[in-house]
Protein backbone atom coordinates (compact mmCIF):
# COMPACT_ATOMS: atom_id res chain seq x y z
CA ASP A 1 0.00 0.00 0.00
CA GLY A 2 2.81 2.39 -0.78
CA ARG A 3 4.57 1.95 2.57
CA GLU A 4 8.29 1.25 2.44
CA ALA A 5 8.98 -1.36 5.11
CA VAL A 6 12.73 -1.31 4.37
CA ARG A 7 14.29 1.67 2.66
CA GLY A 8 17.83 2.18 3.83
CA VAL A 9 19.78 -1.01 4.55
CA SER A 10 23.37 -1.44 3.39
CA LEU A 11 25.58 -3.84 5.29
CA GLU A 12 27.97 -6.75 5.01
CA VAL A 13 27.95 -9.69 7.42
CA ASN A 14 31.30 -11.39 7.90
CA GLU A 15 31.51 -15.16 7.63
CA GLY A 16 31.46 -16.82 11.05
CA GLU A 17 30.17 -13.85 13.05
CA ILE A 18 26.98 -13.25 15.00
CA PHE A 19 25.54 -10.11 13.47
CA GLY A 20 22.63 -8.49 15.28
CA ILE A 21 19.84 -6.33 13.89
CA LEU A 22 18.40 -4.35 16.78
CA GLY A 23 15.26 -2.28 16.62
CA PRO A 24 11.69 -1.83 17.86
CA ASN A 25 8.73 -3.73 16.46
CA GLY A 26 7.95 -2.45 12.98
CA ALA A 27 11.51 -1.28 12.28
CA GLY A 28 11.85 -3.59 9.25
CA LYS A 29 13.91 -6.39 10.81
CA THR A 30 11.69 -9.29 9.76
CA THR A 31 11.22 -7.87 6.26
CA THR A 32 15.00 -7.64 5.88
CA LEU A 33 15.41 -11.29 6.88
CA SER A 34 12.54 -12.29 4.58
CA MET A 35 14.32 -10.72 1.60
CA ILE A 36 17.66 -12.31 2.46
CA SER A 37 16.00 -15.71 2.84
CA THR A 38 14.21 -15.28 -0.55
CA ARG A 39 10.82 -15.51 1.15
CA ILE A 40 9.86 -12.17 -0.43
CA TRP A 41 11.50 -10.38 -3.35
CA PRO A 42 12.86 -6.87 -2.85
CA THR A 43 11.28 -4.15 -4.98
CA GLY A 44 14.73 -2.61 -5.32
CA GLY A 45 18.33 -3.18 -4.37
CA ASP A 46 20.41 -6.35 -4.23
CA ALA A 47 21.45 -8.97 -1.69
CA TRP A 48 23.84 -11.91 -1.91
CA VAL A 49 24.34 -14.97 0.27
CA PHE A 50 27.93 -16.19 -0.14
CA GLY A 51 27.92 -14.75 -3.64
CA LYS A 52 24.50 -16.09 -4.64
CA HIS A 53 21.96 -13.40 -5.58
CA VAL A 54 18.69 -13.79 -3.66
CA VAL A 55 16.60 -13.09 -6.78
CA LYS A 56 18.74 -14.33 -9.68
CA ASP A 57 20.11 -17.42 -7.86
CA VAL A 58 17.17 -18.22 -5.58
CA HIS A 59 17.67 -21.98 -5.29
CA ALA A 60 21.43 -21.69 -4.84
CA ALA A 61 20.97 -19.09 -2.09
CA ARG A 62 18.35 -21.21 -0.31
CA ARG A 63 20.70 -24.19 -0.15
CA LEU A 64 23.17 -22.10 1.85
CA LEU A 65 20.83 -20.82 4.56
CA ASN A 66 18.01 -21.67 6.88
CA VAL A 67 15.58 -19.69 9.01
CA ALA A 68 14.12 -19.95 12.51
CA PRO A 69 11.08 -17.67 12.11
CA GLN A 70 9.14 -15.85 14.80
CA GLU A 71 6.16 -18.11 14.11
CA GLU A 72 6.84 -21.66 15.29
CA ALA A 73 6.97 -24.04 12.31
CA LEU A 74 6.32 -27.23 14.25
CA TYR A 75 3.88 -30.15 14.21
CA PRO A 76 2.49 -30.62 17.75
CA THR A 77 1.29 -34.22 17.20
CA LEU A 78 4.79 -35.36 16.21
CA THR A 79 7.67 -35.90 18.60
CA GLY A 80 10.66 -33.60 18.68
CA ALA A 81 12.77 -36.13 16.77
CA GLU A 82 10.00 -36.69 14.21
CA ASN A 83 9.76 -32.96 13.54
CA LEU A 84 13.48 -32.81 12.89
CA GLU A 85 13.36 -35.92 10.71
CA PHE A 86 10.54 -34.38 8.67
CA PHE A 87 12.47 -31.16 8.04
CA ALA A 88 15.66 -33.08 7.26
CA ARG A 89 13.79 -34.97 4.55
CA LEU A 90 12.14 -31.78 3.32
CA TYR A 91 15.56 -30.11 2.95
CA GLY A 92 16.90 -33.07 1.00
CA VAL A 93 19.35 -34.35 3.62
CA PRO A 94 20.60 -37.76 2.40
CA LYS A 95 19.05 -40.69 4.27
CA SER A 96 22.48 -41.87 5.42
CA GLU A 97 23.06 -38.53 7.20
CA ARG A 98 19.61 -37.86 8.68
CA ALA A 99 19.99 -39.72 11.97
CA LYS A 100 23.22 -37.88 12.82
CA ARG A 101 21.81 -34.50 11.75
CA VAL A 102 18.74 -35.04 13.94
CA ALA A 103 20.86 -36.15 16.91
CA ASP A 104 23.22 -33.19 16.47
CA ALA A 105 20.32 -30.73 16.29
CA LEU A 106 18.71 -32.19 19.43
CA GLU A 107 22.01 -31.97 21.27
CA GLY A 108 22.60 -28.44 20.01
CA VAL A 109 19.33 -27.16 21.50
CA GLU A 110 19.58 -29.49 24.54
CA LEU A 111 16.42 -31.48 23.88
CA THR A 112 17.87 -34.98 23.54
CA SER A 113 16.12 -36.16 26.72
CA ARG A 114 12.73 -35.06 25.33
CA LYS A 115 13.20 -36.23 21.75
CA ASP A 116 10.48 -38.91 21.96
CA ASP A 117 7.86 -36.67 23.59
CA LEU A 118 5.10 -35.07 21.56
CA VAL A 119 5.75 -31.40 20.86
CA GLN A 120 2.30 -30.54 22.24
CA SER A 121 3.70 -31.47 25.67
CA TYR A 122 6.64 -29.06 25.34
CA SER A 123 6.81 -25.75 27.16
CA GLY A 124 6.92 -22.54 25.13
CA GLY A 125 10.66 -22.27 25.63
CA MET A 126 11.25 -25.84 24.53
CA ARG A 127 9.24 -25.27 21.36
CA ARG A 128 11.36 -22.22 20.61
CA ARG A 129 14.48 -24.32 21.00
CA LEU A 130 13.11 -27.04 18.73
CA ASN A 131 12.17 -24.35 16.22
CA LEU A 132 15.86 -23.42 16.12
CA GLY A 133 16.83 -27.07 15.84
CA CYS A 134 14.65 -27.45 12.73
CA ALA A 135 16.72 -24.71 11.09
CA LEU A 136 19.94 -26.62 11.79
CA VAL A 137 19.28 -30.07 10.32
CA SER A 138 20.03 -28.90 6.78
CA GLY A 139 23.59 -27.95 7.78
CA PRO A 140 23.30 -24.28 6.68
CA ARG A 141 26.25 -21.91 6.37
CA LEU A 142 24.00 -18.99 7.31
CA VAL A 143 21.25 -19.13 9.97
CA LEU A 144 18.67 -16.35 10.22
CA LEU A 145 17.16 -16.06 13.70
CA ASP A 146 14.14 -13.78 13.95
CA GLU A 147 13.67 -12.76 17.60
CA PRO A 148 14.17 -16.36 18.82
CA THR A 149 13.80 -15.56 22.54
CA VAL A 150 10.50 -13.68 22.49
CA GLY A 151 8.26 -15.05 25.21
CA VAL A 152 10.66 -17.72 26.48
CA ASP A 153 11.65 -18.42 30.07
CA PRO A 154 15.12 -17.42 31.35
CA GLN A 155 16.42 -21.01 31.27
CA SER A 156 15.40 -21.52 27.64
CA ARG A 157 16.95 -18.17 26.74
CA VAL A 158 20.26 -19.41 28.17
CA HIS A 159 19.95 -22.64 26.14
CA ILE A 160 19.31 -20.65 22.95
CA PHE A 161 22.30 -18.39 23.62
CA GLU A 162 24.52 -21.43 24.19
CA ALA A 163 23.30 -23.01 20.95
CA VAL A 164 23.99 -19.81 19.00
CA ARG A 165 27.50 -19.46 20.42
CA LYS A 166 28.21 -23.12 19.63
CA LEU A 167 27.16 -22.53 16.03
CA ARG A 168 29.67 -19.72 15.77
CA THR A 169 32.48 -22.00 16.97
CA GLN A 170 31.50 -24.35 14.13
CA GLY A 171 31.94 -21.55 11.59
CA VAL A 172 28.23 -20.90 10.99
CA THR A 173 27.28 -17.30 10.23
CA ILE A 174 24.30 -16.00 12.22
CA LEU A 175 22.03 -13.05 11.52
CA TYR A 176 20.08 -12.38 14.70
CA THR A 177 17.21 -9.92 15.12
CA THR A 178 16.02 -8.69 18.50
CA HIS A 179 14.50 -5.69 20.21
CA TYR A 180 16.36 -6.43 23.46
CA LEU A 181 19.42 -4.21 23.76
CA ALA A 182 21.03 -6.29 26.51
CA GLU A 183 20.59 -9.45 24.42
CA ALA A 184 22.32 -7.96 21.38
CA GLU A 185 25.10 -6.55 23.54
CA ASP A 186 25.76 -9.89 25.20
CA LEU A 187 25.57 -12.08 22.10
CA CYS A 188 26.50 -10.20 18.92
CA ASP A 189 29.90 -9.34 17.48
CA ARG A 190 28.44 -6.36 15.61
CA ILE A 191 25.04 -4.69 15.65
CA ALA A 192 23.02 -2.72 13.11
CA ILE A 193 20.34 -0.53 14.67
CA MET A 194 17.22 -0.19 12.54
CA ASP A 195 14.38 2.29 12.83
CA GLU A 196 11.54 2.94 10.39
CA GLY A 197 13.16 0.83 7.70
CA ASN A 198 16.60 2.42 7.93
CA VAL A 199 19.90 1.36 9.43
CA VAL A 200 20.69 4.34 11.62
CA ALA A 201 23.93 3.00 13.16
CA LEU A 202 26.25 0.03 12.76
CA GLY A 203 29.27 -1.23 14.64
CA THR A 204 30.51 -3.05 17.72
CA VAL A 205 29.01 -2.15 21.08
CA PRO A 206 31.96 0.14 22.01
CA GLU A 207 31.71 1.81 18.59
CA LEU A 208 27.98 2.39 19.00
CA LEU A 209 28.48 3.80 22.48
CA GLY A 210 31.09 6.13 21.02
CA LEU A 211 28.68 7.30 18.32
CA SER A 212 26.01 8.03 20.91
CA LYS A 213 28.53 9.87 23.10
CA THR A 214 27.18 7.85 26.00
CA SER A 215 29.44 7.05 28.92
CA GLU A 216 28.86 4.67 31.80
CA VAL A 217 25.42 4.80 33.36
CA ILE A 218 24.94 3.98 37.02
CA GLU A 219 21.39 3.59 38.31
CA LEU A 220 20.79 4.28 41.99
CA ARG A 221 17.76 2.92 43.81
CA LEU A 222 17.34 4.57 47.19
CA ARG A 223 15.54 3.07 50.16
CA GLN A 224 13.98 6.44 50.87
CA PRO A 225 13.13 9.30 48.47
CA ALA A 226 16.09 11.61 48.02
CA GLN A 227 15.55 14.97 49.65
CA ARG A 228 18.42 16.71 47.90
CA VAL A 229 20.12 15.80 44.62
CA GLU A 230 22.15 18.95 44.15
CA GLY A 231 25.15 17.24 45.70
CA LEU A 232 25.18 14.48 43.09
CA GLN A 233 24.65 16.84 40.19
CA SER A 234 27.65 18.87 41.26
CA VAL A 235 29.95 15.87 40.76
CA ASP A 236 31.94 16.12 37.54
CA GLY A 237 30.51 13.88 34.84
CA VAL A 238 27.19 13.25 36.56
CA GLN A 239 23.96 14.45 34.92
């Protein structure tokens, strides 16, 4: 309807890094991932996945990547292992390799002990982890993670972080979207900040802090309301 969801994105993700796209809901993060994954075609501009153009070399690009979307792509009446087996077959993983790929994916998201349980019995956090596992069975060089920790419990968030870091040690490139600043800071090597379809800043956390001219922030929570703050404001460097 004439609205530009993404209108100013220019970036390069290095092989083997965790690259974060940080921004509020509606900033254009999911649309950016959808174009890179060939789910939707850009109306302008270009994007390549390891040299394969996402429009001109669609099938070649798809073979190099996989996606863990915001919406869970799981079958609740199948077990965790059966879901992974299904996606392995769908992605064309050779039969001789499927069992190992499924086992590796289960181990990667720490669900081996629940592999024979129906997904409908999983908690929300466990389903999120299995959703990530389904993106791993094809052995992708690039994994696109679209806000994978939204609505999950703290323990599952830790499991997802561990799985993402393990992927990096294996040489997998990860593009990770989130609207949690602390999450991006803790996990990502570099971060692009998006707002209203534009990348407004890009760099490492120290580089972004330098751009914002922000120094250390200390938050004080007092047992009783402060009667006088003039003393603190007179300290050099305190605002």
